[in-house]
Amino acid sequence: MHYQWNYEPPTPERQQAIKELAEKINMSPIVADLLISRGIKTESAAKRFFRPMMNELIDPFLMNDMDVAVDRLNDAMGRKERIMVYGDYDVDGCTAVALVYKFLMQFYSNIDYYIPNREEEGYGVSYKGIDYAKETGVKLIIVLDCGIKAIEEITYAKQQGIDFIICDHHVPDEILPPAVAILNPKRTDSSYPFKHLCGCGVGFKLMQAFAKNNGIPFSRLTPLLDLCAVSIAADLVPVTGENRILAFHGLKQLNINPSIGLKAIINICGLTGRELTMSDIVFKIGPRINASGRMQNGKEAVELLVERDLQRALTEANRINEYNEQRKDIDKQMTIEANEIVARLESQQHMSSIVLYEEEKKKGVVGIVASRLTEIYYRPTVVLTIIDGIATGSARSVAGFDIYDAIKNCRDILENFGGHTYAVGLTLRQENIPEFRRRFQEYVKQHILPEQTLPTLDIDEEIDFKDITKRLHGDLRKLAPHGPANEKPLFLTRNVYDYGTSKVVGRHQEHIKLELVDSKSAVVMNGIAFGQSADARYIKSKRSFDIVYTIEENAYKRGDIQLQITDIRPSETPESPK
């Protein structure tokens, strides 16, 4: 992929601020600059950032309806009512259900959980789920990571004598469902100071409030933080504010004492014995939990996450791993087919967006295919699959473009939709697809900015190889956990050369293993450039080039530093940032 590089050298005023902060925190100016770019400008703010404290979590009762939700939960327990914990079938939903169920099970046994079948019931609260609740005597449903738009379904449940507590983080409509309590920091009337909780995060706040109300020590919640970290990483919510606190301590829990279910998943991922990061969750742990809901039923994932026996957990984890392998095969095939369709669709060649639809494809992988196509073509993309005249699909966006608003603009021809700025799920009738495509593409054309049509690398710092020390790497580690709004720092070094030993590697010779020197020192740096073997010939030509990279620990040589190179460009090209 050809990136646009975006780098602005610090102004004299900024340089002075960097110098002062670096002295106060006793770290390099590089780290001080990275902190300032994250809005951290004082010594005390830096200390809080490096050491997020659990006592800085926001009072859960500041969330609208929290007092009502806790009262209704207490009443249900007092009256021995049957409670159902209901959640979406993705990672966020499954971890949220596991967290709430595991916590409440310590104090109350008349409780069940339910994950809808993606193929049969679709997204969110289903009539089938409500009917099952009715049959099994449920009087209260706690719904997690969905429900904010389920007006008709929750009205129906109310008629059946079933109350709902909604714990959601998706953007609500003007009219809210008739639930007893609606916990959602994105409510237009929300008084909660932090807007970016994931579904599991909202579930955690409910349990925090329940514990506080009932005199249960906070320490009883700590073992559940690993589930929070998994959901925050997998759902790609901003890793700032309250999410940073939960992710920081959740990762610690995941590394020191993970739950039995997560321990089994870590084992099948081959991650045992190494320090886990948010990237490990995004690329290894999360997809396996997701695969259950995509290929079979998310309930299996929850069963694994609440499992208390390691041997049973390992058996369940292996089964979910098989689902993941099947998911990868289908995903690969669908992506190939989608690429072929895009190549054939002359009408979409010059469009600012892509809308694809095919008959009878598995619903569970359309989101992944949409993500792949977005990465390849760098355009807002909608992928739909049609079953019995109803199109179900996923939309994915590029950096800076709000695809939720684009989909919302077509709401009058949609059956349902919901999601975030960068990812939306939707359903519509087959006959409405041509009109949807026309209106969606027109909206994107009118609203997308030129800079949003090219993949951009926002470079944090320009440095030389002599700056890359073990101390710097140690200081950079303190910026973790990383994710949206706190990405791994990207560095630029100009005029580097092949040391003479760089070579193409990988099963298909697609990567480059590099040994590099820069023009200002004799320091030799090791690096890896994944999927960039096309640049190998230039690198071996002994001409200089510029690189953009992150600084990582070598996974195979503990303690060694290597550069993970994102992009390579011949020096002094017109596109090089000045």
Protein backbone atom coordinates (compact mmCIF):
# COMPACT_ATOMS: atom_id res chain seq x y z
CA MET A 1 0.00 0.00 0.00
CA HIS A 2 1.26 3.48 -0.91
CA TYR A 3 0.95 5.78 2.09
CA GLN A 4 0.90 9.51 2.41
CA TRP A 5 3.33 10.60 5.13
CA ASN A 6 2.26 13.33 7.50
CA TYR A 7 4.89 14.88 9.76
CA GLU A 8 5.14 18.32 11.31
CA PRO A 9 8.41 19.25 13.08
CA PRO A 10 7.89 20.88 16.49
CA THR A 11 7.71 24.66 16.64
CA PRO A 12 10.18 26.59 18.86
CA GLU A 13 7.42 27.00 21.48
CA ARG A 14 6.74 23.28 21.44
CA GLN A 15 10.46 22.50 21.66
CA GLN A 16 10.64 24.60 24.84
CA ALA A 17 7.61 22.76 26.33
CA ILE A 18 9.23 19.41 25.41
CA LYS A 19 12.50 20.39 27.08
CA GLU A 20 10.75 21.47 30.31
CA LEU A 21 8.57 18.35 30.56
CA ALA A 22 11.51 16.03 29.78
CA GLU A 23 13.48 17.54 32.67
CA LYS A 24 10.57 17.24 35.08
CA ILE A 25 9.82 13.57 34.32
CA ASN A 26 13.50 12.59 33.77
CA MET A 27 12.83 11.08 30.36
CA SER A 28 14.07 11.78 26.85
CA PRO A 29 12.62 14.70 24.87
CA ILE A 30 11.25 12.07 22.46
CA VAL A 31 8.95 10.66 25.14
CA ALA A 32 8.06 14.15 26.41
CA ASP A 33 6.97 15.13 22.88
CA LEU A 34 4.85 11.97 22.58
CA LEU A 35 3.13 12.83 25.87
CA ILE A 36 2.42 16.41 24.80
CA SER A 37 0.90 15.19 21.53
CA ARG A 38 -1.48 13.11 23.70
CA GLY A 39 -2.53 16.18 25.67
CA ILE A 40 -0.32 15.35 28.67
CA LYS A 41 1.59 18.53 29.50
CA THR A 42 2.38 18.40 33.23
CA GLU A 43 4.42 16.18 35.51
CA SER A 44 1.37 15.11 37.50
CA ALA A 45 -0.62 14.27 34.33
CA ALA A 46 2.35 12.20 33.09
CA LYS A 47 2.49 10.26 36.36
CA ARG A 48 -1.25 9.52 36.17
CA PHE A 49 -0.86 8.43 32.54
CA PHE A 50 2.02 6.06 33.27
CA ARG A 51 0.34 4.61 36.37
CA PRO A 52 -3.44 4.53 35.87
CA MET A 53 -5.10 3.95 39.24
CA MET A 54 -8.30 2.02 39.87
CA ASN A 55 -9.44 4.68 42.33
CA GLU A 56 -9.63 7.08 39.36
CA LEU A 57 -12.51 5.10 37.84
CA ILE A 58 -15.61 7.25 37.50
CA ASP A 59 -18.45 6.82 39.99
CA PRO A 60 -20.83 4.44 38.16
CA PHE A 61 -23.86 6.25 39.61
CA LEU A 62 -23.04 9.26 37.44
CA MET A 63 -24.44 7.24 34.52
CA ASN A 64 -28.10 7.93 33.73
CA ASP A 65 -30.48 5.27 35.14
CA MET A 66 -27.76 3.48 37.11
CA ASP A 67 -29.62 3.84 40.41
CA VAL A 68 -32.79 2.49 38.77
CA ALA A 69 -30.87 -0.44 37.23
CA VAL A 70 -29.29 -1.43 40.55
CA ASP A 71 -32.62 -1.14 42.38
CA ARG A 72 -34.32 -3.39 39.79
CA LEU A 73 -31.49 -5.94 40.01
CA ASN A 74 -31.69 -5.94 43.81
CA ASP A 75 -35.49 -6.37 43.64
CA ALA A 76 -35.13 -9.32 41.25
CA MET A 77 -32.72 -11.04 43.59
CA GLY A 78 -34.84 -10.25 46.63
CA ARG A 79 -37.91 -11.75 44.94
CA LYS A 80 -35.93 -14.78 43.65
CA GLU A 81 -36.81 -13.88 40.06
CA ARG A 82 -35.07 -15.62 37.22
CA ILE A 83 -32.55 -13.33 35.49
CA MET A 84 -31.17 -13.67 31.97
CA VAL A 85 -27.91 -12.08 30.82
CA TYR A 86 -28.28 -11.48 27.07
CA GLY A 87 -25.53 -10.28 24.72
CA ASP A 88 -24.34 -9.83 21.17
CA TYR A 89 -22.39 -12.64 19.49
CA ASP A 90 -19.13 -10.73 18.94
CA VAL A 91 -16.15 -10.42 21.31
CA ASP A 92 -17.55 -7.40 23.13
CA GLY A 93 -20.95 -9.04 23.64
CA CYS A 94 -19.55 -12.42 24.72
CA THR A 95 -17.04 -10.94 27.19
CA ALA A 96 -19.75 -8.65 28.58
CA VAL A 97 -22.13 -11.57 29.17
CA ALA A 98 -19.34 -13.64 30.73
CA LEU A 99 -18.35 -10.77 33.05
CA VAL A 100 -21.85 -9.99 34.34
CA TYR A 101 -22.84 -13.67 34.61
CA LYS A 102 -19.63 -14.66 36.44
CA PHE A 103 -19.92 -11.82 38.92
CA LEU A 104 -23.59 -12.29 39.73
CA MET A 105 -23.22 -16.07 40.01
CA GLN A 106 -21.11 -15.49 43.12
CA PHE A 107 -24.18 -14.11 44.89
CA TYR A 108 -27.19 -15.51 43.05
CA SER A 109 -27.89 -18.81 41.30
CA ASN A 110 -31.25 -18.30 39.51
CA ILE A 111 -29.58 -16.86 36.44
CA ASP A 112 -29.03 -17.87 32.82
CA TYR A 113 -27.28 -16.40 29.77
CA TYR A 114 -28.28 -16.18 26.12
CA ILE A 115 -26.46 -15.36 22.90
CA PRO A 116 -28.61 -15.09 19.74
CA ASN A 117 -27.73 -17.20 16.71
CA ARG A 118 -26.32 -14.89 14.04
CA GLU A 119 -27.87 -16.80 11.12
CA GLU A 120 -31.31 -17.48 12.62
CA GLU A 121 -31.93 -14.44 14.82
CA GLY A 122 -29.64 -11.74 13.48
CA TYR A 123 -28.15 -8.90 15.50
CA GLY A 124 -29.52 -7.67 18.81
CA VAL A 125 -32.59 -8.57 20.86
CA SER A 126 -34.66 -11.23 19.09
CA TYR A 127 -38.25 -12.39 19.54
CA LYS A 128 -36.91 -15.95 19.77
CA GLY A 129 -34.72 -14.94 22.70
CA ILE A 130 -37.63 -13.24 24.44
CA ASP A 131 -39.86 -16.27 23.89
CA TYR A 132 -37.15 -18.50 25.37
CA ALA A 133 -36.94 -16.16 28.37
CA LYS A 134 -40.72 -16.35 28.80
CA GLU A 135 -40.68 -20.19 28.60
CA THR A 136 -37.95 -20.44 31.24
CA GLY A 137 -39.64 -18.04 33.68
CA VAL A 138 -37.29 -15.06 33.22
CA LYS A 139 -38.56 -11.78 34.69
CA LEU A 140 -35.50 -9.58 34.12
CA ILE A 141 -33.13 -9.45 31.13
CA ILE A 142 -29.81 -7.60 31.33
CA VAL A 143 -28.90 -6.98 27.69
CA LEU A 144 -25.29 -6.13 26.83
CA ASP A 145 -23.67 -4.57 23.76
CA CYS A 146 -27.02 -4.24 21.96
CA GLY A 147 -30.64 -3.35 22.68
CA ILE A 148 -30.55 0.43 22.27
CA LYS A 149 -32.71 0.25 19.13
CA ALA A 150 -34.88 -2.75 20.07
CA ILE A 151 -38.07 -0.72 20.62
CA GLU A 152 -40.53 -3.25 19.22
CA GLU A 153 -38.81 -6.26 20.77
CA ILE A 154 -38.62 -4.74 24.26
CA THR A 155 -42.23 -3.55 23.98
CA TYR A 156 -43.15 -7.17 23.20
CA ALA A 157 -41.10 -8.40 26.20
CA LYS A 158 -42.86 -5.92 28.46
CA GLN A 159 -46.19 -7.37 27.33
CA GLN A 160 -44.87 -10.78 28.41
CA GLY A 161 -44.07 -9.45 31.90
CA ILE A 162 -40.30 -9.23 31.27
CA ASP A 163 -38.27 -6.16 32.23
CA PHE A 164 -35.07 -5.03 30.52
CA ILE A 165 -31.91 -3.30 31.72
CA ILE A 166 -30.02 -2.13 28.62
CA CYS A 167 -26.21 -1.86 28.79
CA ASP A 168 -25.16 -0.56 25.38
CA HIS A 169 -22.65 1.82 23.83
CA HIS A 170 -24.01 2.17 20.29
CA VAL A 171 -25.49 5.45 19.11
CA PRO A 172 -29.17 5.62 20.16
CA ASP A 173 -32.08 6.95 18.14
CA GLU A 174 -34.25 9.86 19.26
CA ILE A 175 -36.80 7.40 20.69
CA LEU A 176 -35.51 4.94 23.29
CA PRO A 177 -36.91 1.46 24.05
CA PRO A 178 -39.31 1.05 27.01
CA ALA A 179 -36.70 -0.54 29.27
CA VAL A 180 -36.62 -0.13 33.06
CA ALA A 181 -33.14 1.37 32.77
CA ILE A 182 -30.95 2.37 29.82
CA LEU A 183 -27.24 2.54 30.57
CA ASN A 184 -25.50 4.13 27.61
CA PRO A 185 -22.90 6.92 27.82
CA LYS A 186 -23.85 7.99 24.26
CA ARG A 187 -27.41 8.97 25.27
CA THR A 188 -28.06 12.54 24.18
CA ASP A 189 -28.99 13.39 27.78
CA SER A 190 -26.00 11.51 29.24
CA SER A 191 -24.31 13.08 32.24
CA TYR A 192 -21.51 10.50 32.27
CA PRO A 193 -18.09 12.13 31.77
CA PHE A 194 -16.61 9.38 29.52
CA LYS A 195 -18.41 8.54 26.27
CA HIS A 196 -16.27 5.72 24.83
CA LEU A 197 -16.94 2.65 26.95
CA CYS A 198 -17.42 -0.62 25.09
CA GLY A 199 -20.38 -2.91 25.83
CA CYS A 200 -18.36 -4.92 28.32
CA GLY A 201 -17.26 -1.64 29.93
CA VAL A 202 -20.91 -0.63 30.50
CA GLY A 203 -21.57 -4.10 31.97
CA PHE A 204 -18.59 -3.63 34.27
CA LYS A 205 -19.96 -0.25 35.45
CA LEU A 206 -23.28 -1.93 36.30
CA MET A 207 -21.46 -4.58 38.35
CA GLN A 208 -19.31 -1.87 39.99
CA ALA A 209 -22.48 -0.01 40.98
CA PHE A 210 -24.15 -3.21 42.21
CA ALA A 211 -21.08 -4.04 44.31
CA LYS A 212 -20.91 -0.51 45.74
CA ASN A 213 -24.62 -0.54 46.61
CA ASN A 214 -24.38 -3.92 48.34
CA GLY A 215 -21.14 -3.38 50.23
CA ILE A 216 -19.19 -5.86 48.11
CA PRO A 217 -15.46 -4.99 48.07
CA PHE A 218 -14.09 -3.78 44.73
CA SER A 219 -11.43 -6.52 44.92
CA ARG A 220 -14.16 -9.03 43.98
CA LEU A 221 -14.35 -7.31 40.56
CA THR A 222 -10.60 -7.37 39.87
CA PRO A 223 -10.47 -10.96 38.46
CA LEU A 224 -12.94 -9.87 35.75
CA LEU A 225 -10.75 -7.09 34.38
CA ASP A 226 -9.07 -9.45 31.90
CA LEU A 227 -12.43 -9.64 30.10
CA CYS A 228 -12.55 -5.82 29.98
CA ALA A 229 -9.09 -5.66 28.38
CA VAL A 230 -10.10 -8.22 25.74
CA SER A 231 -13.28 -6.33 24.83
CA ILE A 232 -11.58 -2.89 24.74
CA ALA A 233 -8.85 -4.18 22.42
CA ALA A 234 -11.15 -6.21 20.16
CA ASP A 235 -13.86 -3.55 19.86
CA LEU A 236 -11.30 -0.88 18.92
CA VAL A 237 -12.64 1.77 21.28
CA PRO A 238 -10.34 4.69 22.24
CA VAL A 239 -7.74 3.60 24.81
CA THR A 240 -8.04 6.82 26.80
CA GLY A 241 -9.65 7.90 30.07
CA GLU A 242 -11.56 5.13 31.81
CA ASN A 243 -10.77 2.64 29.03
CA ARG A 244 -7.05 3.14 29.63
CA ILE A 245 -7.47 2.34 33.34
CA LEU A 246 -9.54 -0.79 32.62
CA ALA A 247 -7.22 -1.94 29.81
CA PHE A 248 -4.04 -1.29 31.84
CA HIS A 249 -5.21 -3.34 34.84
CA GLY A 250 -7.02 -5.85 32.64
CA LEU A 251 -3.81 -6.61 30.75
CA LYS A 252 -2.03 -7.02 34.06
CA GLN A 253 -4.70 -9.54 35.12
CA LEU A 254 -4.47 -11.30 31.75
CA ASN A 255 -0.72 -11.70 32.15
CA ILE A 256 -0.57 -12.62 35.83
CA ASN A 257 -3.75 -14.60 36.51
CA PRO A 258 -6.14 -14.93 33.57
CA SER A 259 -9.47 -16.72 33.93
CA ILE A 260 -9.49 -20.43 33.04
CA GLY A 261 -11.23 -19.80 29.70
CA LEU A 262 -8.82 -17.08 28.60
CA LYS A 263 -5.86 -19.18 29.79
CA ALA A 264 -7.04 -21.95 27.43
CA ILE A 265 -7.34 -19.50 24.50
CA ILE A 266 -3.86 -18.10 25.27
CA ASN A 267 -2.59 -21.69 25.18
CA ILE A 268 -4.08 -22.51 21.75
CA CYS A 269 -2.77 -19.20 20.38
CA GLY A 270 0.77 -20.22 21.33
CA LEU A 271 1.12 -17.15 23.54
CA THR A 272 1.96 -18.92 26.81
CA GLY A 273 5.12 -17.66 28.50
CA ARG A 274 5.29 -14.20 26.92
CA GLU A 275 3.95 -10.82 27.90
CA LEU A 276 0.60 -10.25 26.23
CA THR A 277 -0.23 -6.95 24.56
CA MET A 278 -3.33 -5.35 23.06
CA SER A 279 -2.06 -6.49 19.64
CA ASP A 280 -2.13 -10.12 20.82
CA ILE A 281 -5.79 -9.64 21.71
CA VAL A 282 -6.65 -7.94 18.40
CA PHE A 283 -4.90 -10.49 16.17
CA LYS A 284 -4.94 -13.73 18.18
CA ILE A 285 -7.37 -13.92 21.12
CA GLY A 286 -10.23 -11.77 19.79
CA PRO A 287 -10.64 -13.55 16.40
CA ARG A 288 -11.00 -16.93 18.13
CA ILE A 289 -13.76 -15.68 20.42
CA ASN A 290 -15.40 -14.01 17.42
CA ALA A 291 -15.19 -17.17 15.34
CA SER A 292 -17.65 -18.94 17.60
CA GLY A 293 -20.41 -16.39 16.87
CA ARG A 294 -19.48 -16.13 13.20
CA MET A 295 -19.32 -19.85 12.40
CA GLN A 296 -21.60 -21.51 14.99
CA ASN A 297 -23.04 -19.86 18.08
CA GLY A 298 -21.48 -17.29 20.37
CA LYS A 299 -22.88 -19.19 23.35
CA GLU A 300 -19.95 -21.61 23.00
CA ALA A 301 -17.56 -18.70 23.49
CA VAL A 302 -19.36 -17.66 26.68
CA GLU A 303 -19.31 -21.28 27.92
CA LEU A 304 -15.55 -21.21 27.48
CA LEU A 305 -15.14 -17.81 29.17
CA VAL A 306 -17.08 -18.89 32.27
CA GLU A 307 -15.53 -22.40 32.42
CA ARG A 308 -13.85 -23.34 35.73
CA ASP A 309 -12.16 -26.59 34.70
CA LEU A 310 -8.93 -26.22 32.69
CA GLN A 311 -9.19 -29.52 30.82
CA ARG A 312 -12.74 -28.83 29.69
CA ALA A 313 -11.67 -25.29 28.78
CA LEU A 314 -8.81 -26.59 26.61
CA THR A 315 -11.22 -28.92 24.79
CA GLU A 316 -13.64 -26.03 24.18
CA ALA A 317 -10.79 -23.73 23.12
CA ASN A 318 -9.61 -26.26 20.54
CA ARG A 319 -13.13 -26.45 19.12
CA ILE A 320 -13.29 -22.65 18.84
CA ASN A 321 -9.84 -22.69 17.21
CA GLU A 322 -11.23 -25.01 14.54
CA TYR A 323 -14.07 -22.54 13.93
CA ASN A 324 -11.42 -19.85 13.49
CA GLU A 325 -9.59 -21.92 10.86
CA GLN A 326 -12.90 -22.43 9.01
CA ARG A 327 -13.60 -18.70 9.31
CA LYS A 328 -10.21 -17.86 7.81
CA ASP A 329 -10.82 -20.17 4.84
CA ILE A 330 -14.26 -18.66 4.12
CA ASP A 331 -12.96 -15.14 4.70
CA LYS A 332 -10.08 -15.74 2.25
CA GLN A 333 -12.38 -17.16 -0.42
CA MET A 334 -14.95 -14.37 0.01
CA THR A 335 -12.24 -11.71 -0.20
CA ILE A 336 -10.94 -13.22 -3.45
CA GLU A 337 -14.48 -13.30 -4.84
CA ALA A 338 -15.15 -9.73 -3.66
CA ASN A 339 -11.92 -8.51 -5.31
CA GLU A 340 -12.99 -10.17 -8.55
CA ILE A 341 -16.40 -8.50 -8.35
CA VAL A 342 -14.80 -5.09 -7.69
CA ALA A 343 -12.48 -5.60 -10.65
CA ARG A 344 -15.50 -6.39 -12.87
CA LEU A 345 -17.69 -3.57 -11.64
CA GLU A 346 -16.86 -0.82 -14.04
CA SER A 347 -19.59 1.28 -12.47
CA GLN A 348 -17.72 1.36 -9.15
CA GLN A 349 -14.22 1.98 -10.50
CA HIS A 350 -14.46 5.73 -10.11
CA MET A 351 -16.73 5.75 -7.06
CA SER A 352 -15.70 7.08 -3.67
CA SER A 353 -17.17 3.96 -2.02
CA ILE A 354 -17.90 0.27 -2.62
CA VAL A 355 -21.24 -1.51 -2.16
CA LEU A 356 -21.21 -5.26 -2.90
CA TYR A 357 -23.94 -7.85 -2.50
CA GLU A 358 -24.09 -11.59 -3.11
CA GLU A 359 -26.59 -14.35 -2.48
CA GLU A 360 -26.35 -16.81 0.38
CA LYS A 361 -22.97 -15.91 1.82
CA LYS A 362 -22.27 -16.53 5.50
CA LYS A 363 -23.33 -13.49 7.52
CA GLY A 364 -20.53 -13.98 9.98
CA VAL A 365 -17.71 -13.05 7.65
CA VAL A 366 -19.14 -10.09 5.70
CA GLY A 367 -17.69 -7.66 8.27
CA ILE A 368 -14.23 -9.15 7.84
CA VAL A 369 -14.52 -8.99 4.04
CA ALA A 370 -15.67 -5.35 4.26
CA SER A 371 -12.59 -4.61 6.42
CA ARG A 372 -10.29 -6.33 3.91
CA LEU A 373 -11.73 -4.43 0.95
CA THR A 374 -11.45 -1.15 2.87
CA GLU A 375 -7.77 -1.89 3.49
CA ILE A 376 -7.14 -2.81 -0.17
CA TYR A 377 -9.10 -0.04 -1.93
CA TYR A 378 -9.16 2.54 0.87
CA ARG A 379 -12.81 3.46 0.36
CA PRO A 380 -15.84 3.23 2.67
CA THR A 381 -17.22 -0.23 1.93
CA VAL A 382 -20.51 -2.06 2.43
CA VAL A 383 -20.72 -5.84 1.93
CA LEU A 384 -24.17 -7.46 1.93
CA THR A 385 -25.37 -11.05 1.78
CA ILE A 386 -28.92 -11.80 0.65
CA ILE A 387 -31.00 -14.56 2.23
CA ASP A 388 -34.72 -14.92 1.44
CA GLY A 389 -34.98 -11.41 0.03
CA ILE A 390 -33.37 -9.72 3.05
CA ALA A 391 -29.88 -8.24 2.73
CA THR A 392 -27.74 -8.26 5.86
CA GLY A 393 -24.37 -6.64 5.89
CA SER A 394 -21.54 -4.68 7.39
CA ALA A 395 -20.06 -1.31 6.58
CA ARG A 396 -16.48 -0.28 7.29
CA SER A 397 -14.84 3.10 6.92
CA VAL A 398 -11.52 4.83 6.35
CA ALA A 399 -9.80 7.09 8.88
CA GLY A 400 -11.72 10.27 9.60
CA PHE A 401 -14.94 9.42 7.71
CA ASP A 402 -18.11 8.81 9.77
CA ILE A 403 -19.80 5.87 8.06
CA TYR A 404 -22.57 5.79 10.71
CA ASP A 405 -23.84 9.15 9.43
CA ALA A 406 -23.64 7.89 5.83
CA ILE A 407 -25.78 4.85 6.68
CA LYS A 408 -28.15 6.93 8.83
CA ASN A 409 -28.79 9.12 5.80
CA CYS A 410 -30.39 6.06 4.15
CA ARG A 411 -32.42 5.00 7.20
CA ASP A 412 -35.83 5.36 5.52
CA ILE A 413 -35.03 2.42 3.19
CA LEU A 414 -33.36 0.28 5.88
CA GLU A 415 -35.02 -2.28 8.11
CA ASN A 416 -32.42 -1.80 10.84
CA PHE A 417 -28.94 -0.43 11.44
CA GLY A 418 -26.56 0.33 14.29
CA GLY A 419 -22.93 0.83 15.11
CA HIS A 420 -20.11 3.36 15.41
CA THR A 421 -18.19 5.93 13.39
CA TYR A 422 -16.11 3.27 11.62
CA ALA A 423 -18.28 0.12 11.68
CA VAL A 424 -22.02 -0.34 11.12
CA GLY A 425 -24.31 -3.34 10.76
CA LEU A 426 -27.42 -3.00 8.60
CA THR A 427 -30.38 -4.89 7.09
CA LEU A 428 -32.60 -3.93 4.17
CA ARG A 429 -34.93 -5.50 1.62
CA GLN A 430 -33.30 -6.79 -1.54
CA GLU A 431 -35.35 -4.50 -3.77
CA ASN A 432 -33.96 -1.46 -1.94
CA ILE A 433 -30.30 -2.29 -2.60
CA PRO A 434 -29.94 -0.28 -5.88
CA GLU A 435 -31.41 2.84 -4.24
CA PHE A 436 -29.29 2.30 -1.12
CA ARG A 437 -26.14 1.98 -3.23
CA ARG A 438 -26.98 5.17 -5.17
CA ARG A 439 -27.71 7.23 -2.04
CA PHE A 440 -24.81 5.85 -0.01
CA GLN A 441 -22.32 6.52 -2.79
CA GLU A 442 -23.72 10.01 -3.35
CA TYR A 443 -23.41 10.82 0.37
CA VAL A 444 -19.79 9.59 0.50
CA LYS A 445 -18.91 11.55 -2.65
CA GLN A 446 -20.30 14.75 -1.14
CA HIS A 447 -18.83 14.38 2.35
CA ILE A 448 -15.49 12.59 2.08
CA LEU A 449 -12.47 14.90 2.18
CA PRO A 450 -9.55 14.51 -0.26
CA GLU A 451 -7.15 13.61 2.58
CA GLN A 452 -9.52 10.78 3.63
CA THR A 453 -9.14 9.05 0.28
CA LEU A 454 -5.48 8.16 0.77
CA PRO A 455 -4.07 6.03 3.58
CA THR A 456 -2.01 8.33 5.76
CA LEU A 457 0.75 7.67 8.26
CA ASP A 458 0.76 10.25 11.03
CA ILE A 459 4.41 10.31 12.07
CA ASP A 460 5.13 11.21 15.68
CA GLU A 461 8.89 11.82 15.64
CA GLU A 462 11.85 12.11 13.31
CA ILE A 463 14.85 10.42 14.97
CA ASP A 464 18.25 8.88 14.17
CA PHE A 465 19.37 5.34 14.98
CA LYS A 466 21.64 6.64 17.74
CA ASP A 467 18.49 7.77 19.60
CA ILE A 468 17.16 4.19 19.76
CA THR A 469 18.43 2.85 23.06
CA LYS A 470 17.18 0.25 25.50
CA ARG A 471 16.26 3.10 27.84
CA LEU A 472 14.13 4.73 25.14
CA HIS A 473 12.44 1.40 24.44
CA GLY A 474 11.77 0.96 28.17
CA ASP A 475 10.23 4.44 28.37
CA LEU A 476 8.11 3.81 25.26
CA ARG A 477 6.68 0.68 26.87
CA LYS A 478 5.18 2.92 29.56
CA LEU A 479 2.90 4.48 26.92
CA ALA A 480 1.05 1.15 26.59
CA PRO A 481 -1.63 -0.14 26.37
CA HIS A 482 -2.02 1.00 22.80
CA GLY A 483 -5.08 1.30 20.61
CA PRO A 484 -7.24 4.01 18.99
CA ALA A 485 -6.36 7.51 20.32
CA ASN A 486 -3.15 6.06 21.80
CA GLU A 487 -1.49 4.33 18.87
CA LYS A 488 2.04 2.98 18.99
CA PRO A 489 4.37 5.88 18.17
CA LEU A 490 5.48 6.04 14.54
CA PHE A 491 9.05 7.14 13.90
CA LEU A 492 10.75 8.45 10.77
CA THR A 493 14.44 8.04 9.96
CA ARG A 494 15.80 9.50 6.73
CA ASN A 495 18.68 8.37 4.56
CA VAL A 496 19.20 4.81 5.72
CA TYR A 497 21.11 2.13 3.83
CA ASP A 498 21.19 -1.62 3.60
CA TYR A 499 24.07 -2.93 5.70
CA GLY A 500 24.58 -5.57 3.01
CA THR A 501 22.76 -8.41 4.72
CA SER A 502 19.06 -7.63 4.17
CA LYS A 503 17.09 -10.46 2.56
CA VAL A 504 13.63 -11.53 1.48
CA VAL A 505 11.97 -14.05 3.85
CA GLY A 506 8.61 -15.73 4.43
CA ARG A 507 6.78 -18.74 3.04
CA HIS A 508 5.97 -16.81 -0.13
CA GLN A 509 9.01 -14.51 0.00
CA GLU A 510 6.71 -11.63 0.90
CA HIS A 511 8.67 -10.02 3.78
CA ILE A 512 12.08 -8.34 4.12
CA LYS A 513 14.43 -8.99 7.03
CA LEU A 514 16.61 -5.90 7.25
CA GLU A 515 19.92 -4.81 8.69
CA LEU A 516 20.23 -1.07 8.28
CA VAL A 517 22.58 1.82 9.02
CA ASP A 518 21.72 5.50 8.85
CA SER A 519 23.86 8.29 7.46
CA LYS A 520 24.66 9.83 10.85
CA SER A 521 26.03 6.96 12.93
CA ALA A 522 27.57 3.56 12.73
CA VAL A 523 24.64 2.02 14.59
CA VAL A 524 23.23 -1.09 12.88
CA MET A 525 19.51 -1.71 13.41
CA ASN A 526 17.58 -4.90 12.71
CA GLY A 527 14.13 -4.60 11.21
CA ILE A 528 11.28 -6.48 9.58
CA ALA A 529 9.07 -5.15 6.79
CA PHE A 530 5.99 -7.37 6.45
CA GLY A 531 4.51 -7.69 2.98
CA GLN A 532 6.95 -5.24 1.40
CA SER A 533 9.22 -7.52 -0.63
CA ALA A 534 8.54 -5.37 -3.72
CA ASP A 535 10.98 -2.83 -2.22
CA ALA A 536 13.81 -5.37 -1.87
CA ARG A 537 15.43 -4.59 -5.21
CA TYR A 538 15.71 -0.87 -4.41
CA ILE A 539 17.04 -1.62 -0.91
CA LYS A 540 19.79 -3.84 -2.36
CA SER A 541 20.78 -1.12 -4.88
CA LYS A 542 22.88 0.65 -2.20
CA ARG A 543 20.84 3.85 -2.58
CA SER A 544 19.43 5.65 0.46
CA PHE A 545 15.81 5.45 1.54
CA ASP A 546 13.54 6.75 4.30
CA ILE A 547 11.61 4.48 6.67
CA VAL A 548 8.61 4.84 8.96
CA TYR A 549 8.45 2.30 11.79
CA THR A 550 7.55 1.33 15.32
CA ILE A 551 10.15 0.21 17.87
CA GLU A 552 9.51 -3.31 19.14
CA GLU A 553 11.09 -6.02 21.22
CA ASN A 554 12.20 -8.98 19.13
CA ALA A 555 9.71 -11.75 19.94
CA TYR A 556 12.39 -14.43 19.44
CA LYS A 557 15.36 -12.68 21.07
CA ARG A 558 14.13 -11.33 24.40
CA GLY A 559 15.71 -7.96 25.14
CA ASP A 560 16.75 -7.22 21.55
CA ILE A 561 15.18 -4.23 19.82
CA GLN A 562 13.98 -4.34 16.24
CA LEU A 563 12.18 -1.94 13.94
CA GLN A 564 8.81 -2.98 12.55
CA ILE A 565 8.78 -1.05 9.31
CA THR A 566 5.45 0.26 8.10
CA ASP A 567 6.60 1.97 4.90
CA ILE A 568 9.74 2.43 2.80
CA ARG A 569 10.40 5.26 0.35
CA PRO A 570 13.43 6.31 -1.73
CA SER A 571 15.02 9.37 -0.15
CA GLU A 572 14.15 12.79 -1.55
CA THR A 573 10.99 11.71 -3.35
CA PRO A 574 8.40 14.42 -3.98
CA GLU A 575 6.10 12.74 -1.42
CA SER A 576 8.69 12.80 1.39
CA PRO A 577 7.51 14.96 4.27
CA LYS A 578 9.45 18.16 4.63
